[in-house]
Protein backbone atom coordinates (compact mmCIF):
# COMPACT_ATOMS: atom_id res chain seq x y z
CA MET A 1 2.01 -13.57 30.19
CA SER A 2 -1.17 -11.62 27.53
CA VAL A 3 -4.23 -13.26 25.66
CA LYS A 4 -4.47 -10.98 22.72
CA LEU A 5 -7.45 -9.93 20.93
CA VAL A 6 -7.63 -7.80 18.19
CA ALA A 7 -9.41 -8.07 14.55
CA ALA A 8 -8.12 -9.51 11.51
CA SER A 9 -4.46 -9.06 12.60
CA ALA A 10 -2.42 -11.57 10.58
CA ALA A 11 0.54 -10.69 12.32
CA ALA A 12 -0.89 -11.26 15.81
CA ALA A 13 -2.47 -14.19 14.37
CA LEU A 14 -5.91 -13.52 15.87
CA ILE A 15 -9.34 -12.90 14.12
CA ALA A 16 -11.77 -10.86 15.20
CA GLY A 17 -15.64 -12.07 14.66
CA VAL A 18 -17.34 -12.58 11.25
CA ALA A 19 -20.38 -9.94 10.63
CA LEU A 20 -23.67 -10.58 11.07
CA GLY A 21 -25.38 -12.50 8.28
CA GLN A 22 -22.01 -13.32 6.96
CA GLY A 23 -21.45 -16.20 9.03
CA ILE A 24 -21.47 -16.94 12.75
CA PRO A 25 -19.54 -14.33 14.87
CA GLU A 26 -16.61 -16.25 16.37
CA VAL A 27 -13.70 -14.53 18.49
CA LYS A 28 -10.29 -16.13 18.78
CA VAL A 29 -8.09 -15.31 21.87
CA GLN A 30 -4.05 -15.74 21.78
CA ALA A 31 -2.26 -16.79 24.89
CA THR A 32 1.32 -15.18 25.13
CA ARG A 33 3.91 -15.61 27.82
CA VAL A 34 7.62 -15.13 27.94
CA ILE A 35 9.46 -17.72 29.11
CA SER A 36 14.21 -18.15 29.19
CA SER A 37 14.57 -21.36 27.25
CA ALA A 38 15.86 -22.81 24.26
CA ILE A 39 12.15 -23.53 22.45
CA THR A 40 11.60 -22.37 18.96
CA ALA A 41 9.78 -19.37 19.43
CA LYS A 42 9.58 -15.21 19.09
CA THR A 43 13.18 -14.48 20.75
CA VAL A 44 12.21 -10.86 22.59
CA GLY A 45 15.68 -10.86 24.31
CA LYS A 46 18.23 -12.30 26.29
CA THR A 47 18.25 -12.67 29.73
CA ALA A 48 21.37 -11.30 32.21
CA SER A 49 23.08 -14.56 31.60
CA GLY A 50 22.52 -14.98 28.01
CA VAL A 51 19.71 -17.09 28.04
CA PRO A 52 16.46 -16.27 25.09
CA ILE A 53 13.46 -14.71 26.46
CA LYS A 54 11.18 -16.53 23.92
CA ASP A 55 7.26 -15.34 23.69
CA VAL A 56 5.36 -18.51 23.68
CA THR A 57 1.24 -17.99 21.68
CA LEU A 58 -1.92 -20.16 22.07
CA SER A 59 -4.53 -19.29 20.36
CA TYR A 60 -8.37 -20.30 20.75
CA GLY A 61 -11.42 -19.81 18.47
CA VAL A 62 -14.42 -19.12 20.37
CA SER A 63 -17.80 -19.33 18.61
CA SER A 64 -21.00 -17.23 19.31
CA GLU A 65 -22.90 -20.44 18.07
CA GLY A 66 -26.28 -21.06 19.41
CA LEU A 67 -26.25 -17.23 20.78
CA ASP A 68 -28.37 -14.08 20.06
CA LEU A 69 -25.92 -11.63 20.75
CA SER A 70 -28.27 -9.42 20.60
CA THR A 71 -29.74 -10.38 24.21
CA LYS A 72 -28.00 -9.62 27.61
CA THR A 73 -28.24 -13.69 28.15
CA GLY A 74 -26.86 -14.12 24.80
CA ALA A 75 -23.98 -11.63 25.21
CA ALA A 76 -23.34 -12.97 28.77
CA ALA A 77 -23.20 -16.36 27.57
CA PHE A 78 -20.25 -15.43 24.82
CA GLU A 79 -18.40 -13.46 27.04
CA GLN A 80 -18.26 -16.21 29.23
CA ARG A 81 -17.33 -18.50 26.71
CA VAL A 82 -14.11 -16.04 26.05
CA LYS A 83 -12.71 -15.84 29.45
CA ASP A 84 -13.01 -19.60 29.41
CA ALA A 85 -11.15 -19.72 26.56
CA ALA A 86 -8.58 -16.94 28.21
CA GLU A 87 -8.32 -19.54 31.07
CA GLN A 88 -7.82 -22.52 29.64
CA ALA A 89 -4.75 -21.02 26.66
CA CYS A 90 -2.86 -19.37 29.80
CA LYS A 91 -3.19 -22.55 32.08
CA ASP A 92 -2.22 -24.64 28.91
CA ILE A 93 0.75 -22.59 28.48
CA GLY A 94 1.57 -22.58 32.20
CA ARG A 95 1.31 -26.75 31.90
CA GLN A 96 3.97 -26.90 29.35
CA TYR A 97 6.15 -23.73 30.69
CA PRO A 98 5.68 -23.46 34.46
CA ASP A 99 8.36 -20.45 34.66
CA ALA A 100 6.86 -18.31 31.91
CA THR A 101 5.77 -15.05 33.27
CA PRO A 102 3.05 -13.66 34.06
CA SER A 103 1.10 -15.91 36.16
CA ASP A 104 -1.96 -18.28 34.98
CA ALA A 105 -4.20 -16.05 36.48
CA GLU A 106 -2.69 -12.72 35.34
CA CYS A 107 -2.67 -14.01 31.71
CA ALA A 108 -6.00 -14.74 31.87
CA ARG A 109 -7.61 -11.28 33.13
CA ALA A 110 -5.26 -9.36 30.69
CA ALA A 111 -6.34 -12.12 27.69
CA THR A 112 -10.47 -11.44 29.00
CA ASP A 113 -9.69 -7.53 29.13
CA GLN A 114 -8.46 -7.47 25.56
CA ALA A 115 -10.79 -10.08 24.32
CA MET A 116 -13.94 -8.18 25.34
CA VAL A 117 -13.55 -4.88 23.64
CA ARG A 118 -14.13 -7.20 20.01
CA VAL A 119 -16.79 -8.88 21.91
CA HIS A 120 -18.80 -5.77 22.85
CA GLU A 121 -18.49 -4.76 19.30
CA LEU A 122 -19.76 -7.94 18.09
CA VAL A 123 -22.50 -7.47 20.83
CA ALA A 124 -23.47 -3.61 20.19
CA SER A 125 -23.58 -4.79 16.44
CA ALA A 126 -25.92 -7.63 16.67
CA GLU A 127 -28.14 -4.91 18.93
CA LYS A 128 -27.95 -2.53 16.30
CA ILE A 129 -29.33 -4.84 13.88
CA ARG A 130 -32.16 -6.27 15.75
CA THR A 131 -33.01 -2.64 16.61
CA ALA A 132 -32.94 -1.64 12.82
CA THR A 133 -35.43 -4.72 11.97
CA LYS A 134 -38.19 -3.68 13.97
């Protein structure tokens, strides 16, 4: 399972943060796990016995509302929100599809790592704006 965060990628169904001043920055976290089942999902292959292997995806939006991303406290709180969303998305898929791979923990770790790229971009942008207005 992987959780992905990418900027404005319709194909990946992820939307990154809105530019500061244009709205509240938001990060969408997407969990994807591979299952062997006959459910409706994107087919990515077949097992040796011919059972379809499917990707199942779940996305959660993570808002930075109420946080000042230009501060260490605000940035840390936003990072925690993203981590919590990644863990929850992976657990939700895991409950519905207990045989999905990889594990909830591996999924959440990958999701968090990928999401933090965009989080750090938003934090850097907020810090740059704060510095420029001083």
